[in-house]
């Protein structure tokens, strides 16, 4: 982690990207370290959001490599019900990309959205928005705690 903190904004970008993939990683630790080292607010915000967004979209594209037929074959799901889920995901369900920022389940959501061929533009927009809000809230928290101390 110290290695990434030493790299400043690039370290924040890398940590955020890795945290959004299926690898277990905490971008908040690196972001906090860089902020406390005196880095500027907006470059940190851009680096964290963009890195995490691109990492999340890599999970989406990873999901796109899968085949829906695999769900039918290996999980023995009813094709009619699966088609209904696919249709919902392609429409309103694409907005669940907003919740990809959630720890633990966010990577699964991103992969599932890709696997079920959700609308890439809606997923990208909602995912970017969710990740930006996440880092904004975190950075505000870090500044409030820092002012308190």
Protein backbone atom coordinates (compact mmCIF):
# COMPACT_ATOMS: atom_id res chain seq x y z
CA UNK A 1 0.00 0.00 0.00
CA UNK A 2 2.81 2.43 0.82
CA UNK A 3 4.20 1.86 -2.65
CA UNK A 4 0.95 3.08 -4.21
CA UNK A 5 0.65 5.99 -1.77
CA UNK A 6 4.13 7.12 -2.82
CA UNK A 7 2.92 7.29 -6.43
CA UNK A 8 0.20 9.81 -5.55
CA UNK A 9 -2.54 10.22 -8.12
CA UNK A 10 -1.25 7.35 -10.26
CA UNK A 11 -1.23 5.15 -7.15
CA UNK A 12 -4.83 6.17 -6.41
CA UNK A 13 -5.81 5.30 -9.98
CA UNK A 14 -4.11 1.88 -9.84
CA UNK A 15 -5.52 1.06 -6.39
CA UNK A 16 -9.01 2.11 -7.48
CA UNK A 17 -8.80 0.06 -10.64
CA UNK A 18 -7.63 -3.04 -8.77
CA UNK A 19 -10.29 -2.58 -6.08
CA UNK A 20 -13.02 -2.65 -8.75
CA UNK A 21 -11.86 -5.94 -10.24
CA UNK A 22 -12.37 -9.38 -8.76
CA UNK A 23 -9.13 -8.91 -6.78
CA UNK A 24 -9.61 -8.13 -3.07
CA UNK A 25 -8.11 -4.69 -2.60
CA UNK A 26 -8.92 -1.48 -0.68
CA UNK A 27 -8.61 1.73 -2.62
CA UNK A 28 -9.79 3.76 0.35
CA UNK A 29 -6.57 3.09 2.24
CA UNK A 30 -4.43 4.41 -0.63
CA UNK A 31 -6.77 7.34 -1.30
CA UNK A 32 -6.73 8.32 2.36
CA UNK A 33 -2.94 8.09 2.51
CA UNK A 34 -2.56 10.28 -0.56
CA UNK A 35 -5.06 12.82 0.75
CA UNK A 36 -3.37 12.98 4.14
CA UNK A 37 -0.02 13.45 2.39
CA UNK A 38 -1.40 16.72 1.03
CA UNK A 39 -2.66 15.82 -2.44
CA UNK A 40 -5.29 18.01 -4.09
CA UNK A 41 -8.97 17.12 -3.82
CA UNK A 42 -10.09 17.07 -7.47
CA UNK A 43 -7.18 15.17 -8.99
CA UNK A 44 -7.70 12.49 -6.30
CA UNK A 45 -11.42 12.43 -7.05
CA UNK A 46 -10.82 12.04 -10.79
CA UNK A 47 -8.11 9.39 -10.37
CA UNK A 48 -10.17 7.32 -7.90
CA UNK A 49 -13.44 7.55 -9.83
CA UNK A 50 -11.92 6.91 -13.24
CA UNK A 51 -9.78 4.01 -12.03
CA UNK A 52 -12.69 2.38 -10.19
CA UNK A 53 -15.04 2.94 -13.13
CA UNK A 54 -12.64 1.34 -15.61
CA UNK A 55 -12.07 -1.58 -13.23
CA UNK A 56 -15.82 -2.04 -12.90
CA UNK A 57 -16.29 -1.94 -16.65
CA UNK A 58 -13.57 -4.59 -17.01
CA UNK A 59 -15.76 -6.84 -14.82
CA UNK A 60 -18.71 -6.03 -17.07
CA UNK A 61 -16.72 -7.01 -20.17
CA UNK A 62 -15.50 -10.15 -18.41
CA UNK A 63 -19.14 -11.07 -17.89
CA UNK A 64 -19.81 -10.47 -21.58
CA UNK A 65 -17.45 -13.37 -22.35
CA UNK A 66 -19.91 -15.77 -20.72
CA UNK A 67 -22.79 -17.46 -22.47
CA UNK A 68 -26.35 -17.40 -21.20
CA UNK A 69 -26.70 -21.00 -22.36
CA UNK A 70 -24.29 -21.95 -19.55
CA UNK A 71 -26.85 -20.81 -16.97
CA UNK A 72 -29.51 -22.99 -18.56
CA UNK A 73 -27.20 -25.99 -18.84
CA UNK A 74 -25.30 -25.93 -15.54
CA UNK A 75 -27.79 -24.26 -13.21
CA UNK A 76 -30.81 -25.94 -14.80
CA UNK A 77 -32.85 -22.75 -14.94
CA UNK A 78 -36.04 -22.48 -16.93
CA UNK A 79 -35.24 -20.75 -20.27
CA UNK A 80 -38.52 -18.80 -20.18
CA UNK A 81 -37.78 -17.35 -16.72
CA UNK A 82 -34.20 -16.66 -17.72
CA UNK A 83 -35.43 -14.77 -20.80
CA UNK A 84 -37.65 -12.61 -18.57
CA UNK A 85 -34.66 -11.79 -16.34
CA UNK A 86 -32.54 -10.97 -19.40
CA UNK A 87 -35.23 -8.65 -20.78
CA UNK A 88 -35.56 -6.86 -17.43
CA UNK A 89 -31.78 -6.49 -17.10
CA UNK A 90 -31.48 -5.07 -20.62
CA UNK A 91 -34.08 -2.45 -19.72
CA UNK A 92 -34.59 -1.11 -16.23
CA UNK A 93 -32.18 -3.59 -14.68
CA UNK A 94 -29.24 -1.86 -16.33
CA UNK A 95 -29.58 0.89 -13.72
CA UNK A 96 -28.42 -1.58 -11.06
CA UNK A 97 -24.95 -0.66 -12.32
CA UNK A 98 -25.20 2.19 -9.81
CA UNK A 99 -24.70 -0.34 -7.00
CA UNK A 100 -21.46 -1.78 -8.37
CA UNK A 101 -19.62 0.37 -5.79
CA UNK A 102 -20.93 -1.83 -2.96
CA UNK A 103 -18.23 -3.91 -1.26
CA UNK A 104 -18.57 -7.65 -1.54
CA UNK A 105 -21.32 -7.78 -4.14
CA UNK A 106 -20.34 -4.99 -6.53
CA UNK A 107 -18.02 -7.15 -8.64
CA UNK A 108 -20.71 -9.82 -8.90
CA UNK A 109 -23.25 -7.23 -10.05
CA UNK A 110 -20.88 -5.93 -12.75
CA UNK A 111 -20.08 -9.41 -14.05
CA UNK A 112 -23.76 -10.38 -13.98
CA UNK A 113 -24.75 -7.26 -15.90
CA UNK A 114 -22.23 -8.13 -18.58
CA UNK A 115 -23.21 -11.78 -18.60
CA UNK A 116 -26.87 -10.89 -19.06
CA UNK A 117 -26.03 -8.28 -21.73
CA UNK A 118 -27.35 -5.22 -19.92
CA UNK A 119 -27.35 -1.95 -21.85
CA UNK A 120 -23.70 -0.92 -21.76
CA UNK A 121 -24.43 2.83 -21.89
CA UNK A 122 -26.88 2.78 -18.99
CA UNK A 123 -24.58 0.50 -17.00
CA UNK A 124 -21.58 2.76 -17.68
CA UNK A 125 -23.45 5.94 -16.73
CA UNK A 126 -25.02 4.51 -13.58
CA UNK A 127 -21.78 2.79 -12.55
CA UNK A 128 -19.76 6.00 -13.00
CA UNK A 129 -22.32 7.95 -10.99
CA UNK A 130 -22.33 5.43 -8.13
CA UNK A 131 -18.55 5.29 -7.96
CA UNK A 132 -18.20 9.09 -8.08
CA UNK A 133 -20.66 9.50 -5.22
CA UNK A 134 -18.86 6.81 -3.24
CA UNK A 135 -15.49 8.56 -3.49
CA UNK A 136 -17.01 11.98 -2.87
CA UNK A 137 -18.58 10.72 0.37
CA UNK A 138 -15.35 9.00 1.41
CA UNK A 139 -13.20 12.05 0.70
CA UNK A 140 -15.57 14.33 2.60
CA UNK A 141 -15.42 11.89 5.51
CA UNK A 142 -11.60 11.93 5.45
CA UNK A 143 -11.53 15.75 5.46
CA UNK A 144 -14.08 15.96 8.30
CA UNK A 145 -12.12 13.49 10.43
CA UNK A 146 -8.87 15.30 9.61
CA UNK A 147 -10.38 18.64 10.66
CA UNK A 148 -11.67 17.04 13.86
CA UNK A 149 -8.21 15.78 14.78
